[in-house]
Amino acid sequence: MNDSSSKADQCCPEFNVDKWDNKTNVWNNKLFMQDNVRTLFHIPLNMGGVVTKMFEKIEAAGASIIDDDYLMLAYDPSAWKSEIYITVAKEVPNSKMAKLSGTFISKVFDGPFESAPKWMKEMDAYLAEQDKKSIKYYMHYAYCPKCSKKYGHNYYAIFAQIG
């Protein structure tokens, strides 16, 4: 998130496609704040409220990441729940924290949320070309709806954790 003086114009940092498209990322205890969102068949129901509260806590703790290393990842363990992970610079008091480690292959897509199943199939094919298979998928939502309109893109990056 950017500072409060620019929130009226932009709240999401500009997404760097080149940093994440067709890349292999090795994370060793990459620090995230974690929370849960209710979903209905993978459609988020209370994401805005949950993310707003997360950002309030992150900003109050001085733990914001504002450069192109910022990620907000979603992992759906079921059709009814999504786990949200936001990169942070340090531990956030009174919050659930997570550290992700492993090798993650990322690929960027641009389009509506409804295209996610198609993108997952494309990601599976991309991994198969490299003789790799995902053990877990995380989806990065680059922009909120307002910033998506501002930037003219609706980027999603899929991060496939490989074993």
C-alpha atoms as a PDB file:
ATOM      1  CA  MET A   1       0.000   0.000   0.000  1.00  0.00           C
ATOM      2  CA  ASN A   2       1.151   3.515  -0.631  1.00  0.00           C
ATOM      3  CA  ASP A   3       1.073   6.339   1.901  1.00  0.00           C
ATOM      4  CA  SER A   4      -2.241   7.947   2.811  1.00  0.00           C
ATOM      5  CA  SER A   5      -1.593  11.099   0.758  1.00  0.00           C
ATOM      6  CA  SER A   6      -1.955   9.144  -2.476  1.00  0.00           C
ATOM      7  CA  LYS A   7      -4.721   6.711  -1.475  1.00  0.00           C
ATOM      8  CA  ALA A   8      -7.386   8.789  -3.181  1.00  0.00           C
ATOM      9  CA  ASP A   9      -5.639   8.249  -6.525  1.00  0.00           C
ATOM     10  CA  GLN A  10      -4.070   4.838  -6.059  1.00  0.00           C
ATOM     11  CA  CYS A  11      -4.105   2.247  -3.338  1.00  0.00           C
ATOM     12  CA  CYS A  12      -2.424  -0.699  -5.083  1.00  0.00           C
ATOM     13  CA  PRO A  13       1.230  -0.501  -6.132  1.00  0.00           C
ATOM     14  CA  GLU A  14       1.783  -0.731  -9.873  1.00  0.00           C
ATOM     15  CA  PHE A  15       2.306  -4.355 -10.805  1.00  0.00           C
ATOM     16  CA  ASN A  16       5.612  -5.333 -12.426  1.00  0.00           C
ATOM     17  CA  VAL A  17       4.639  -8.075 -14.884  1.00  0.00           C
ATOM     18  CA  ASP A  18       8.263  -8.758 -15.874  1.00  0.00           C
ATOM     19  CA  LYS A  19       9.228  -9.554 -12.277  1.00  0.00           C
ATOM     20  CA  TRP A  20       6.686 -12.371 -11.949  1.00  0.00           C
ATOM     21  CA  ASP A  21       5.834 -13.690 -15.446  1.00  0.00           C
ATOM     22  CA  ASN A  22       7.405 -17.070 -16.245  1.00  0.00           C
ATOM     23  CA  LYS A  23       9.752 -16.873 -13.267  1.00  0.00           C
ATOM     24  CA  THR A  24      11.070 -19.296 -10.704  1.00  0.00           C
ATOM     25  CA  ASN A  25      11.108 -17.892  -7.171  1.00  0.00           C
ATOM     26  CA  VAL A  26      12.862 -19.572  -4.264  1.00  0.00           C
ATOM     27  CA  TRP A  27      11.527 -18.386  -0.923  1.00  0.00           C
ATOM     28  CA  ASN A  28      13.103 -19.128   2.426  1.00  0.00           C
ATOM     29  CA  ASN A  29      10.706 -18.140   5.212  1.00  0.00           C
ATOM     30  CA  LYS A  30       9.145 -15.286   3.190  1.00  0.00           C
ATOM     31  CA  LEU A  31       7.046 -13.433   5.765  1.00  0.00           C
ATOM     32  CA  PHE A  32       3.303 -12.904   5.325  1.00  0.00           C
ATOM     33  CA  MET A  33       0.385 -11.832   7.470  1.00  0.00           C
ATOM     34  CA  GLN A  34      -2.430 -14.368   7.075  1.00  0.00           C
ATOM     35  CA  ASP A  35      -6.211 -14.265   7.429  1.00  0.00           C
ATOM     36  CA  ASN A  36      -9.238 -16.084   6.035  1.00  0.00           C
ATOM     37  CA  VAL A  37     -12.022 -15.051   3.653  1.00  0.00           C
ATOM     38  CA  ARG A  38     -15.377 -16.780   3.312  1.00  0.00           C
ATOM     39  CA  THR A  39     -16.089 -17.960  -0.219  1.00  0.00           C
ATOM     40  CA  LEU A  40     -19.024 -19.461  -2.067  1.00  0.00           C
ATOM     41  CA  PHE A  41     -17.716 -21.878  -4.695  1.00  0.00           C
ATOM     42  CA  HIS A  42     -14.393 -19.961  -4.634  1.00  0.00           C
ATOM     43  CA  ILE A  43     -16.071 -16.541  -5.053  1.00  0.00           C
ATOM     44  CA  PRO A  44     -14.905 -14.260  -2.201  1.00  0.00           C
ATOM     45  CA  LEU A  45     -17.726 -12.952  -0.004  1.00  0.00           C
ATOM     46  CA  ASN A  46     -15.967 -10.739   2.560  1.00  0.00           C
ATOM     47  CA  MET A  47     -12.584 -10.089   0.977  1.00  0.00           C
ATOM     48  CA  GLY A  48     -12.788  -6.280   1.024  1.00  0.00           C
ATOM     49  CA  GLY A  49     -13.458  -6.121   4.753  1.00  0.00           C
ATOM     50  CA  VAL A  50     -10.836  -8.703   5.644  1.00  0.00           C
ATOM     51  CA  VAL A  51      -8.142  -7.090   3.496  1.00  0.00           C
ATOM     52  CA  THR A  52      -8.969  -3.605   4.807  1.00  0.00           C
ATOM     53  CA  LYS A  53      -8.545  -4.811   8.402  1.00  0.00           C
ATOM     54  CA  MET A  54      -5.305  -6.562   7.489  1.00  0.00           C
ATOM     55  CA  PHE A  55      -3.900  -3.383   5.930  1.00  0.00           C
ATOM     56  CA  GLU A  56      -4.920  -1.310   8.945  1.00  0.00           C
ATOM     57  CA  LYS A  57      -2.950  -3.650  11.217  1.00  0.00           C
ATOM     58  CA  ILE A  58       0.007  -3.766   8.814  1.00  0.00           C
ATOM     59  CA  GLU A  59       0.188   0.020   8.542  1.00  0.00           C
ATOM     60  CA  ALA A  60      -0.209   0.488  12.324  1.00  0.00           C
ATOM     61  CA  ALA A  61       2.739  -1.880  12.837  1.00  0.00           C
ATOM     62  CA  GLY A  62       4.881  -0.088  10.230  1.00  0.00           C
ATOM     63  CA  ALA A  63       5.187  -3.389   8.363  1.00  0.00           C
ATOM     64  CA  SER A  64       4.072  -2.293   4.874  1.00  0.00           C
ATOM     65  CA  ILE A  65       5.788  -3.484   1.715  1.00  0.00           C
ATOM     66  CA  ILE A  66       5.340  -0.761  -0.918  1.00  0.00           C
ATOM     67  CA  ASP A  67       7.744  -1.813  -3.649  1.00  0.00           C
ATOM     68  CA  ASP A  68       7.312  -4.403  -6.378  1.00  0.00           C
ATOM     69  CA  ASP A  69       7.938  -7.201  -3.842  1.00  0.00           C
ATOM     70  CA  TYR A  70       4.384  -6.670  -2.524  1.00  0.00           C
ATOM     71  CA  LEU A  71       2.137  -9.709  -2.904  1.00  0.00           C
ATOM     72  CA  MET A  72      -1.364 -10.567  -1.762  1.00  0.00           C
ATOM     73  CA  LEU A  73      -1.753 -14.295  -2.284  1.00  0.00           C
ATOM     74  CA  ALA A  74      -4.904 -16.367  -2.001  1.00  0.00           C
ATOM     75  CA  TYR A  75      -4.991 -20.105  -1.467  1.00  0.00           C
ATOM     76  CA  ASP A  76      -8.352 -21.879  -1.548  1.00  0.00           C
ATOM     77  CA  PRO A  77      -8.277 -25.072   0.533  1.00  0.00           C
ATOM     78  CA  SER A  78     -11.991 -25.532  -0.213  1.00  0.00           C
ATOM     79  CA  ALA A  79     -14.869 -23.956  -2.130  1.00  0.00           C
ATOM     80  CA  TRP A  80     -15.925 -22.242   1.125  1.00  0.00           C
ATOM     81  CA  LYS A  81     -12.708 -20.693   2.386  1.00  0.00           C
ATOM     82  CA  SER A  82      -9.735 -18.764   1.067  1.00  0.00           C
ATOM     83  CA  GLU A  83      -6.547 -18.058   2.970  1.00  0.00           C
ATOM     84  CA  ILE A  84      -5.116 -14.595   2.278  1.00  0.00           C
ATOM     85  CA  TYR A  85      -1.386 -13.909   2.638  1.00  0.00           C
ATOM     86  CA  ILE A  86       0.027 -10.356   2.429  1.00  0.00           C
ATOM     87  CA  THR A  87       3.781  -9.765   2.359  1.00  0.00           C
ATOM     88  CA  VAL A  88       5.035  -7.758   5.307  1.00  0.00           C
ATOM     89  CA  ALA A  89       8.376  -6.292   6.307  1.00  0.00           C
ATOM     90  CA  LYS A  90       8.131  -7.550   9.889  1.00  0.00           C
ATOM     91  CA  GLU A  91       5.849  -9.372  12.330  1.00  0.00           C
ATOM     92  CA  VAL A  92       2.455  -7.721  12.897  1.00  0.00           C
ATOM     93  CA  PRO A  93       1.331  -7.850  16.550  1.00  0.00           C
ATOM     94  CA  ASN A  94      -1.875  -9.755  17.358  1.00  0.00           C
ATOM     95  CA  SER A  95      -2.008 -11.254  13.870  1.00  0.00           C
ATOM     96  CA  LYS A  96      -1.563 -14.678  12.369  1.00  0.00           C
ATOM     97  CA  MET A  97       1.767 -14.809  10.583  1.00  0.00           C
ATOM     98  CA  ALA A  98       3.013 -17.296   8.002  1.00  0.00           C
ATOM     99  CA  LYS A  99       6.401 -18.015   6.491  1.00  0.00           C
ATOM    100  CA  LEU A 100       6.411 -19.596   3.052  1.00  0.00           C
ATOM    101  CA  SER A 101       9.394 -21.580   1.869  1.00  0.00           C
ATOM    102  CA  GLY A 102      10.025 -23.520  -1.295  1.00  0.00           C
ATOM    103  CA  THR A 103      10.220 -23.136  -5.035  1.00  0.00           C
ATOM    104  CA  PHE A 104       7.354 -21.288  -6.712  1.00  0.00           C
ATOM    105  CA  ILE A 105       6.918 -20.888 -10.451  1.00  0.00           C
ATOM    106  CA  SER A 106       4.881 -17.835 -11.370  1.00  0.00           C
ATOM    107  CA  LYS A 107       2.981 -16.868 -14.487  1.00  0.00           C
ATOM    108  CA  VAL A 108       0.941 -13.686 -15.067  1.00  0.00           C
ATOM    109  CA  PHE A 109      -2.527 -13.463 -16.614  1.00  0.00           C
ATOM    110  CA  ASP A 110      -4.748 -10.470 -17.424  1.00  0.00           C
ATOM    111  CA  GLY A 111      -8.516 -10.650 -17.454  1.00  0.00           C
ATOM    112  CA  PRO A 112     -11.641 -11.269 -15.391  1.00  0.00           C
ATOM    113  CA  PHE A 113     -11.677 -13.425 -12.253  1.00  0.00           C
ATOM    114  CA  GLU A 114     -13.990 -15.870 -14.058  1.00  0.00           C
ATOM    115  CA  SER A 115     -11.027 -16.886 -16.250  1.00  0.00           C
ATOM    116  CA  ALA A 116      -9.166 -18.411 -13.291  1.00  0.00           C
ATOM    117  CA  PRO A 117     -10.112 -22.048 -14.115  1.00  0.00           C
ATOM    118  CA  LYS A 118      -8.799 -21.581 -17.668  1.00  0.00           C
ATOM    119  CA  TRP A 119      -5.589 -19.999 -16.331  1.00  0.00           C
ATOM    120  CA  MET A 120      -5.082 -22.898 -13.940  1.00  0.00           C
ATOM    121  CA  LYS A 121      -5.205 -25.297 -16.916  1.00  0.00           C
ATOM    122  CA  GLU A 122      -2.714 -23.075 -18.781  1.00  0.00           C
ATOM    123  CA  MET A 123      -0.480 -23.104 -15.710  1.00  0.00           C
ATOM    124  CA  ASP A 124      -0.675 -26.907 -15.506  1.00  0.00           C
ATOM    125  CA  ALA A 125       0.349 -27.129 -19.193  1.00  0.00           C
ATOM    126  CA  TYR A 126       3.192 -24.635 -18.632  1.00  0.00           C
ATOM    127  CA  LEU A 127       4.490 -26.731 -15.734  1.00  0.00           C
ATOM    128  CA  ALA A 128       4.133 -29.971 -17.708  1.00  0.00           C
ATOM    129  CA  GLU A 129       6.348 -28.500 -20.447  1.00  0.00           C
ATOM    130  CA  GLN A 130       9.046 -28.259 -17.750  1.00  0.00           C
ATOM    131  CA  ASP A 131       8.320 -31.741 -16.348  1.00  0.00           C
ATOM    132  CA  LYS A 132       7.014 -30.137 -13.148  1.00  0.00           C
ATOM    133  CA  LYS A 133       3.780 -30.404 -11.213  1.00  0.00           C
ATOM    134  CA  SER A 134       2.262 -28.098  -8.615  1.00  0.00           C
ATOM    135  CA  ILE A 135       1.673 -29.277  -5.069  1.00  0.00           C
ATOM    136  CA  LYS A 136      -0.183 -26.070  -4.180  1.00  0.00           C
ATOM    137  CA  TYR A 137      -1.411 -22.977  -6.039  1.00  0.00           C
ATOM    138  CA  TYR A 138      -1.506 -19.405  -4.769  1.00  0.00           C
ATOM    139  CA  MET A 139      -3.172 -16.596  -6.737  1.00  0.00           C
ATOM    140  CA  HIS A 140      -1.922 -13.004  -6.510  1.00  0.00           C
ATOM    141  CA  TYR A 141      -4.541 -10.330  -7.096  1.00  0.00           C
ATOM    142  CA  ALA A 142      -2.513  -7.363  -8.346  1.00  0.00           C
ATOM    143  CA  TYR A 143      -5.244  -4.721  -8.154  1.00  0.00           C
ATOM    144  CA  CYS A 144      -8.446  -3.902  -6.384  1.00  0.00           C
ATOM    145  CA  PRO A 145     -11.345  -3.067  -8.770  1.00  0.00           C
ATOM    146  CA  LYS A 146     -10.635   0.689  -8.547  1.00  0.00           C
ATOM    147  CA  CYS A 147      -6.940   0.328  -9.405  1.00  0.00           C
ATOM    148  CA  SER A 148      -7.724  -2.198 -12.134  1.00  0.00           C
ATOM    149  CA  LYS A 149      -9.759   0.512 -13.860  1.00  0.00           C
ATOM    150  CA  LYS A 150      -7.047   3.115 -13.245  1.00  0.00           C
ATOM    151  CA  TYR A 151      -4.250   0.960 -14.727  1.00  0.00           C
ATOM    152  CA  GLY A 152      -6.387  -0.617 -17.452  1.00  0.00           C
ATOM    153  CA  HIS A 153      -5.407  -4.170 -16.488  1.00  0.00           C
ATOM    154  CA  ASN A 154      -6.706  -6.878 -14.186  1.00  0.00           C
ATOM    155  CA  TYR A 155      -3.518  -8.824 -13.514  1.00  0.00           C
ATOM    156  CA  TYR A 156      -3.361 -12.108 -11.648  1.00  0.00           C
ATOM    157  CA  ALA A 157      -0.203 -14.048 -11.024  1.00  0.00           C
ATOM    158  CA  ILE A 158      -0.440 -17.732 -10.288  1.00  0.00           C
ATOM    159  CA  PHE A 159       2.300 -19.079  -8.045  1.00  0.00           C
ATOM    160  CA  ALA A 160       2.688 -22.846  -8.274  1.00  0.00           C
ATOM    161  CA  GLN A 161       4.601 -24.370  -5.406  1.00  0.00           C
ATOM    162  CA  ILE A 162       6.515 -27.294  -6.814  1.00  0.00           C
ATOM    163  CA  GLY A 163       8.026 -30.185  -4.924  1.00  0.00           C
END
